[in-house]
Amino acid sequence: MSSDFGDIDEAFYNSMKSTFAAALKFMYKERSLAIFEQRAINILRSTQDTGWGFHDTLSDIFYQFY
């Protein structure tokens, strides 16, 4: 966790956000969102205390698809 090891730079968070969005877009296109829903939820849960606004942004992306 960032509380244990320090925070990461903004470019890292931006990359993770765009990767998460791209993955969900791909799953939507392939009609496989339901198969991966629990994994996406687990990602959200694991990011609750990570980075400034990171979890909020991932939640916004998540709710665009679920």
N, C-alpha and C. Protein backbone atom coordinates (compact mmCIF):
# COMPACT_ATOMS: atom_id res chain seq x y z
N MET A 1 0.84 -1.19 0.00
CA MET A 1 0.00 0.00 0.00
C MET A 1 0.88 1.24 0.00
N SER A 2 0.33 2.30 -0.52
CA SER A 2 1.10 3.54 -0.55
C SER A 2 1.41 4.05 0.85
N SER A 3 0.57 3.72 1.83
CA SER A 3 0.84 4.15 3.20
C SER A 3 2.07 3.45 3.76
N ASP A 4 2.40 2.28 3.25
CA ASP A 4 3.57 1.54 3.71
C ASP A 4 4.83 1.88 2.93
N PHE A 5 4.71 2.12 1.63
CA PHE A 5 5.87 2.24 0.77
C PHE A 5 6.01 3.60 0.09
N GLY A 6 5.13 4.53 0.36
CA GLY A 6 5.19 5.82 -0.30
C GLY A 6 4.29 5.84 -1.52
N ASP A 7 4.02 7.02 -1.99
CA ASP A 7 3.10 7.18 -3.12
C ASP A 7 3.85 7.09 -4.45
N ILE A 8 3.12 6.84 -5.50
CA ILE A 8 3.65 6.71 -6.85
C ILE A 8 3.27 7.97 -7.62
N ASP A 9 3.97 8.26 -8.69
CA ASP A 9 3.71 9.50 -9.43
C ASP A 9 2.41 9.45 -10.23
N GLU A 10 1.97 10.62 -10.66
CA GLU A 10 0.69 10.76 -11.36
C GLU A 10 0.63 9.96 -12.66
N ALA A 11 1.75 9.85 -13.35
CA ALA A 11 1.77 9.10 -14.61
C ALA A 11 1.39 7.65 -14.39
N PHE A 12 1.82 7.08 -13.29
CA PHE A 12 1.46 5.70 -12.96
C PHE A 12 -0.05 5.57 -12.79
N TYR A 13 -0.64 6.46 -12.00
CA TYR A 13 -2.09 6.40 -11.77
C TYR A 13 -2.86 6.61 -13.08
N ASN A 14 -2.41 7.54 -13.90
CA ASN A 14 -3.08 7.77 -15.19
C ASN A 14 -3.02 6.52 -16.07
N SER A 15 -1.90 5.85 -16.04
CA SER A 15 -1.75 4.62 -16.82
C SER A 15 -2.70 3.54 -16.31
N MET A 16 -2.80 3.41 -15.00
CA MET A 16 -3.69 2.40 -14.42
C MET A 16 -5.15 2.71 -14.74
N LYS A 17 -5.51 3.98 -14.68
CA LYS A 17 -6.89 4.38 -15.00
C LYS A 17 -7.22 4.05 -16.45
N SER A 18 -6.33 4.40 -17.36
CA SER A 18 -6.62 4.14 -18.77
C SER A 18 -6.62 2.65 -19.08
N THR A 19 -5.79 1.89 -18.40
CA THR A 19 -5.78 0.44 -18.59
C THR A 19 -7.07 -0.19 -18.09
N PHE A 20 -7.54 0.26 -16.93
CA PHE A 20 -8.80 -0.24 -16.38
C PHE A 20 -9.95 0.06 -17.33
N ALA A 21 -9.99 1.29 -17.83
CA ALA A 21 -11.05 1.68 -18.77
C ALA A 21 -10.96 0.87 -20.06
N ALA A 22 -9.76 0.68 -20.57
CA ALA A 22 -9.59 -0.09 -21.81
C ALA A 22 -10.02 -1.54 -21.62
N ALA A 23 -9.73 -2.09 -20.46
CA ALA A 23 -10.13 -3.48 -20.19
C ALA A 23 -11.64 -3.60 -20.15
N LEU A 24 -12.30 -2.69 -19.48
CA LEU A 24 -13.76 -2.74 -19.41
C LEU A 24 -14.40 -2.50 -20.77
N LYS A 25 -13.83 -1.60 -21.55
CA LYS A 25 -14.34 -1.37 -22.90
C LYS A 25 -14.22 -2.63 -23.75
N PHE A 26 -13.08 -3.29 -23.63
CA PHE A 26 -12.87 -4.53 -24.38
C PHE A 26 -13.86 -5.61 -23.94
N MET A 27 -14.06 -5.75 -22.63
CA MET A 27 -15.01 -6.74 -22.12
C MET A 27 -16.43 -6.43 -22.58
N TYR A 28 -16.77 -5.14 -22.61
CA TYR A 28 -18.08 -4.74 -23.11
C TYR A 28 -18.24 -5.16 -24.57
N LYS A 29 -17.23 -4.85 -25.36
CA LYS A 29 -17.27 -5.19 -26.78
C LYS A 29 -17.40 -6.69 -27.00
N GLU A 30 -16.74 -7.46 -26.17
CA GLU A 30 -16.75 -8.91 -26.29
C GLU A 30 -17.90 -9.57 -25.51
N ARG A 31 -18.76 -8.73 -24.93
CA ARG A 31 -19.91 -9.21 -24.16
C ARG A 31 -19.49 -10.16 -23.02
N SER A 32 -18.43 -9.78 -22.33
CA SER A 32 -17.93 -10.63 -21.24
C SER A 32 -17.85 -9.88 -19.92
N LEU A 33 -18.55 -8.76 -19.80
CA LEU A 33 -18.51 -8.00 -18.55
C LEU A 33 -18.97 -8.83 -17.36
N ALA A 34 -20.02 -9.60 -17.53
CA ALA A 34 -20.54 -10.39 -16.41
C ALA A 34 -19.51 -11.39 -15.88
N ILE A 35 -18.73 -11.94 -16.77
CA ILE A 35 -17.72 -12.92 -16.37
C ILE A 35 -16.68 -12.30 -15.44
N PHE A 36 -16.36 -11.03 -15.68
CA PHE A 36 -15.28 -10.37 -14.94
C PHE A 36 -15.77 -9.36 -13.91
N GLU A 37 -17.06 -9.32 -13.65
CA GLU A 37 -17.59 -8.32 -12.72
C GLU A 37 -16.97 -8.43 -11.34
N GLN A 38 -16.87 -9.62 -10.79
CA GLN A 38 -16.31 -9.76 -9.44
C GLN A 38 -14.85 -9.32 -9.39
N ARG A 39 -14.10 -9.59 -10.43
CA ARG A 39 -12.71 -9.13 -10.48
C ARG A 39 -12.65 -7.60 -10.48
N ALA A 40 -13.51 -6.97 -11.25
CA ALA A 40 -13.54 -5.51 -11.30
C ALA A 40 -13.92 -4.94 -9.93
N ILE A 41 -14.86 -5.58 -9.26
CA ILE A 41 -15.25 -5.15 -7.91
C ILE A 41 -14.07 -5.30 -6.96
N ASN A 42 -13.34 -6.40 -7.07
CA ASN A 42 -12.18 -6.61 -6.21
C ASN A 42 -11.11 -5.54 -6.44
N ILE A 43 -10.95 -5.12 -7.69
CA ILE A 43 -10.00 -4.05 -7.98
C ILE A 43 -10.44 -2.77 -7.26
N LEU A 44 -11.71 -2.45 -7.36
CA LEU A 44 -12.21 -1.26 -6.68
C LEU A 44 -11.97 -1.34 -5.18
N ARG A 45 -12.28 -2.46 -4.59
CA ARG A 45 -12.09 -2.62 -3.15
C ARG A 45 -10.63 -2.47 -2.76
N SER A 46 -9.74 -2.97 -3.57
CA SER A 46 -8.33 -2.92 -3.22
C SER A 46 -7.71 -1.53 -3.43
N THR A 47 -8.45 -0.62 -4.06
CA THR A 47 -7.91 0.72 -4.30
C THR A 47 -8.54 1.78 -3.41
N GLN A 48 -9.34 1.38 -2.44
CA GLN A 48 -10.06 2.36 -1.62
C GLN A 48 -9.15 3.36 -0.93
N ASP A 49 -7.99 2.96 -0.49
CA ASP A 49 -7.09 3.86 0.24
C ASP A 49 -5.83 4.18 -0.56
N THR A 50 -5.95 4.19 -1.88
CA THR A 50 -4.78 4.37 -2.74
C THR A 50 -4.89 5.67 -3.52
N GLY A 51 -3.88 6.52 -3.40
CA GLY A 51 -3.78 7.71 -4.24
C GLY A 51 -4.92 8.70 -4.04
N TRP A 52 -4.67 9.92 -4.39
CA TRP A 52 -5.66 10.99 -4.28
C TRP A 52 -6.67 10.90 -5.42
N GLY A 53 -7.88 10.45 -5.12
CA GLY A 53 -8.94 10.38 -6.12
C GLY A 53 -8.86 9.18 -7.06
N PHE A 54 -7.86 8.35 -6.88
CA PHE A 54 -7.69 7.19 -7.77
C PHE A 54 -8.90 6.27 -7.70
N HIS A 55 -9.29 5.91 -6.49
CA HIS A 55 -10.43 5.02 -6.31
C HIS A 55 -11.71 5.64 -6.88
N ASP A 56 -11.88 6.93 -6.67
CA ASP A 56 -13.08 7.61 -7.19
C ASP A 56 -13.15 7.54 -8.71
N THR A 57 -12.01 7.74 -9.35
CA THR A 57 -11.97 7.68 -10.81
C THR A 57 -12.25 6.27 -11.30
N LEU A 58 -11.65 5.26 -10.65
CA LEU A 58 -11.93 3.88 -11.05
C LEU A 58 -13.39 3.54 -10.83
N SER A 59 -13.97 4.05 -9.76
CA SER A 59 -15.40 3.82 -9.50
C SER A 59 -16.25 4.44 -10.62
N ASP A 60 -15.91 5.65 -11.02
CA ASP A 60 -16.65 6.29 -12.13
C ASP A 60 -16.57 5.44 -13.39
N ILE A 61 -15.39 4.94 -13.69
CA ILE A 61 -15.21 4.08 -14.87
C ILE A 61 -16.04 2.80 -14.72
N PHE A 62 -15.96 2.19 -13.55
CA PHE A 62 -16.69 0.95 -13.27
C PHE A 62 -18.19 1.16 -13.51
N TYR A 63 -18.74 2.24 -12.97
CA TYR A 63 -20.19 2.46 -13.07
C TYR A 63 -20.64 2.88 -14.46
N GLN A 64 -19.71 3.17 -15.35
CA GLN A 64 -20.09 3.39 -16.74
C GLN A 64 -20.46 2.08 -17.42
N PHE A 65 -19.96 0.98 -16.87
CA PHE A 65 -20.15 -0.33 -17.48
C PHE A 65 -21.06 -1.27 -16.69
N TYR A 66 -21.15 -1.04 -15.37
CA TYR A 66 -21.96 -1.94 -14.52
C TYR A 66 -23.06 -1.19 -13.84
